[in-house]
């Protein structure tokens, strides 16, 4: 089994404000959890609209629909005007996940060889972030976002629940 970060988006959304700390070397005031949430939300919660009103609404062309239907935000273009959030007909692009100052996550790969857990895992008061031998389990609504991240989220429609 592969060791990965696991984020429970359902539990994470209960927080008013994320207080989990981040250890990203190049940006000491980084909020890597927000970066991970943005990545997860755009991959799993976004409805992947055919016409993508959020992409069309962006005045600086910072959003792009990828061939697989997911959204990609070009952080160096984004001015955090939140127009995409207001254009989303389903309200799933959350304004707090479109910050002006970009954060990153390196999955604390430098801490792991030292036997330390990722800092966000150690400091998340809601225990919404975990680390371990975690595999995607569609029946439990655990989905693989990338090789380092598995996310729990409840599907947004009954058809999606049946196909998973």
Protein backbone atom coordinates (compact mmCIF):
# COMPACT_ATOMS: atom_id res chain seq x y z
CA UNK A 1 0.00 0.00 0.00
CA UNK A 2 1.10 3.52 -0.73
CA UNK A 3 1.32 6.09 2.05
CA UNK A 4 -0.64 9.23 1.25
CA UNK A 5 -2.35 12.22 2.73
CA UNK A 6 -6.06 11.75 3.31
CA UNK A 7 -8.40 14.72 3.59
CA UNK A 8 -11.97 14.30 4.72
CA UNK A 9 -13.62 17.23 2.91
CA UNK A 10 -16.88 16.68 4.75
CA UNK A 11 -15.15 17.15 8.11
CA UNK A 12 -12.88 19.88 6.74
CA UNK A 13 -15.87 21.96 5.62
CA UNK A 14 -17.14 22.06 9.22
CA UNK A 15 -14.23 24.32 10.22
CA UNK A 16 -14.86 28.05 10.16
CA UNK A 17 -11.22 28.68 9.38
CA UNK A 18 -8.42 26.21 8.79
CA UNK A 19 -5.80 26.37 11.52
CA UNK A 20 -3.68 23.43 10.36
CA UNK A 21 -0.10 24.57 9.98
CA UNK A 22 2.10 23.99 6.96
CA UNK A 23 5.81 23.28 6.73
CA UNK A 24 6.39 24.29 3.09
CA UNK A 25 10.04 25.31 3.02
CA UNK A 26 9.87 28.08 0.40
CA UNK A 27 6.91 29.95 1.86
CA UNK A 28 6.83 30.05 5.68
CA UNK A 29 3.33 31.55 5.89
CA UNK A 30 1.98 29.02 3.46
CA UNK A 31 -1.49 27.51 3.76
CA UNK A 32 -0.88 24.22 1.99
CA UNK A 33 -4.17 22.74 3.16
CA UNK A 34 -6.04 25.38 1.14
CA UNK A 35 -3.99 24.36 -1.90
CA UNK A 36 -4.95 20.72 -1.33
CA UNK A 37 -8.61 21.62 -0.80
CA UNK A 38 -8.66 23.66 -4.01
CA UNK A 39 -7.15 20.74 -5.92
CA UNK A 40 -9.64 18.29 -4.40
CA UNK A 41 -12.68 20.53 -4.86
CA UNK A 42 -11.87 21.23 -8.51
CA UNK A 43 -11.31 17.54 -9.20
CA UNK A 44 -14.19 16.08 -7.20
CA UNK A 45 -16.81 18.66 -6.27
CA UNK A 46 -16.84 20.84 -9.38
CA UNK A 47 -19.68 19.76 -11.69
CA UNK A 48 -17.40 20.00 -14.79
CA UNK A 49 -20.02 21.94 -16.74
CA UNK A 50 -20.01 21.48 -20.48
CA UNK A 51 -19.94 25.24 -21.12
CA UNK A 52 -18.02 26.13 -17.89
CA UNK A 53 -19.43 29.59 -17.01
CA UNK A 54 -16.60 30.09 -14.51
CA UNK A 55 -13.99 29.80 -17.27
CA UNK A 56 -15.89 32.22 -19.50
CA UNK A 57 -16.36 34.72 -16.66
CA UNK A 58 -12.68 34.98 -15.73
CA UNK A 59 -11.42 38.38 -16.96
CA UNK A 60 -7.76 37.28 -16.99
CA UNK A 61 -8.16 33.75 -18.42
CA UNK A 62 -6.81 32.17 -15.25
CA UNK A 63 -9.14 29.14 -15.42
CA UNK A 64 -8.91 26.46 -18.05
CA UNK A 65 -10.95 23.33 -18.56
CA UNK A 66 -8.63 20.35 -18.96
CA UNK A 67 -9.27 17.51 -21.45
CA UNK A 68 -10.56 15.30 -18.59
CA UNK A 69 -13.12 18.00 -17.65
CA UNK A 70 -11.39 19.24 -14.50
CA UNK A 71 -10.53 22.88 -13.95
CA UNK A 72 -7.03 24.22 -13.67
CA UNK A 73 -6.36 27.62 -12.13
CA UNK A 74 -3.26 29.41 -13.35
CA UNK A 75 -2.18 31.03 -10.10
CA UNK A 76 0.17 33.56 -11.69
CA UNK A 77 -2.69 34.91 -13.83
CA UNK A 78 -5.36 34.85 -11.14
CA UNK A 79 -6.08 38.19 -9.48
CA UNK A 80 -8.52 36.64 -6.99
CA UNK A 81 -11.45 38.72 -8.21
CA UNK A 82 -13.76 35.77 -7.38
CA UNK A 83 -15.73 36.26 -10.62
CA UNK A 84 -15.46 32.53 -11.26
CA UNK A 85 -17.06 31.82 -7.88
CA UNK A 86 -20.02 34.07 -8.64
CA UNK A 87 -20.40 32.62 -12.16
CA UNK A 88 -20.57 29.02 -10.94
CA UNK A 89 -24.23 28.04 -11.26
CA UNK A 90 -23.86 25.41 -8.53
CA UNK A 91 -21.90 27.47 -6.01
CA UNK A 92 -19.14 24.89 -5.68
CA UNK A 93 -16.21 27.20 -6.41
CA UNK A 94 -15.71 28.53 -2.91
CA UNK A 95 -14.27 32.07 -2.62
CA UNK A 96 -11.92 31.04 0.19
CA UNK A 97 -10.32 28.52 -2.16
CA UNK A 98 -9.37 31.16 -4.72
CA UNK A 99 -6.78 33.20 -2.82
CA UNK A 100 -4.62 35.91 -4.33
CA UNK A 101 -1.49 34.73 -2.55
CA UNK A 102 -0.86 31.23 -3.78
CA UNK A 103 0.06 28.43 -1.44
CA UNK A 104 1.68 25.13 -2.32
CA UNK A 105 2.02 21.71 -0.74
CA UNK A 106 5.07 19.48 -1.05
CA UNK A 107 3.33 16.75 0.99
CA UNK A 108 6.08 17.18 3.62
CA UNK A 109 8.25 14.74 1.73
CA UNK A 110 11.29 16.15 3.57
CA UNK A 111 9.76 15.27 6.99
CA UNK A 112 8.80 11.69 6.18
CA UNK A 113 12.33 10.20 6.07
CA UNK A 114 12.91 11.67 9.54
CA UNK A 115 9.89 9.73 10.82
CA UNK A 116 7.78 12.88 11.24
CA UNK A 117 4.20 13.22 10.08
CA UNK A 118 3.18 16.05 7.74
CA UNK A 119 2.70 19.16 9.88
CA UNK A 120 -0.92 19.62 8.75
CA UNK A 121 -1.74 16.13 10.07
CA UNK A 122 -0.18 16.96 13.45
CA UNK A 123 -1.94 20.33 13.77
CA UNK A 124 -5.44 19.80 12.32
CA UNK A 125 -7.76 20.14 15.33
CA UNK A 126 -10.67 18.44 13.53
CA UNK A 127 -8.57 15.39 12.52
CA UNK A 128 -9.76 15.97 8.95
CA UNK A 129 -6.25 15.30 7.62
CA UNK A 130 -4.54 11.97 8.10
CA UNK A 131 -1.48 10.22 6.74
CA UNK A 132 -0.92 6.53 6.22
CA UNK A 133 -1.36 3.54 3.95
CA UNK A 134 -4.51 4.78 2.29
CA UNK A 135 -6.03 3.51 -0.92
CA UNK A 136 -9.06 4.87 -2.76
CA UNK A 137 -12.26 3.06 -1.81
CA UNK A 138 -15.13 4.26 -4.03
CA UNK A 139 -17.74 2.53 -1.85
CA UNK A 140 -16.63 4.76 1.07
CA UNK A 141 -16.39 7.78 -1.26
CA UNK A 142 -12.58 7.90 -0.96
CA UNK A 143 -11.18 9.16 -4.27
CA UNK A 144 -7.63 9.41 -5.57
CA UNK A 145 -6.76 12.98 -6.61
CA UNK A 146 -3.08 12.34 -7.33
CA UNK A 147 -0.41 9.88 -6.23
CA UNK A 148 -0.04 11.64 -2.85
CA UNK A 149 -3.64 12.51 -2.02
CA UNK A 150 -6.87 10.63 -1.33
CA UNK A 151 -9.98 12.64 -0.53
CA UNK A 152 -13.28 11.71 1.11
CA UNK A 153 -16.27 13.58 -0.17
CA UNK A 154 -19.93 12.76 -0.61
CA UNK A 155 -20.96 12.65 -4.30
CA UNK A 156 -23.27 15.46 -5.34
CA UNK A 157 -25.86 13.40 -7.17
CA UNK A 158 -27.49 9.98 -6.96
CA UNK A 159 -26.30 8.94 -10.45
CA UNK A 160 -22.69 9.52 -9.44
CA UNK A 161 -23.20 7.48 -6.28
CA UNK A 162 -24.49 4.54 -8.35
CA UNK A 163 -21.62 4.62 -10.85
CA UNK A 164 -18.89 4.77 -8.18
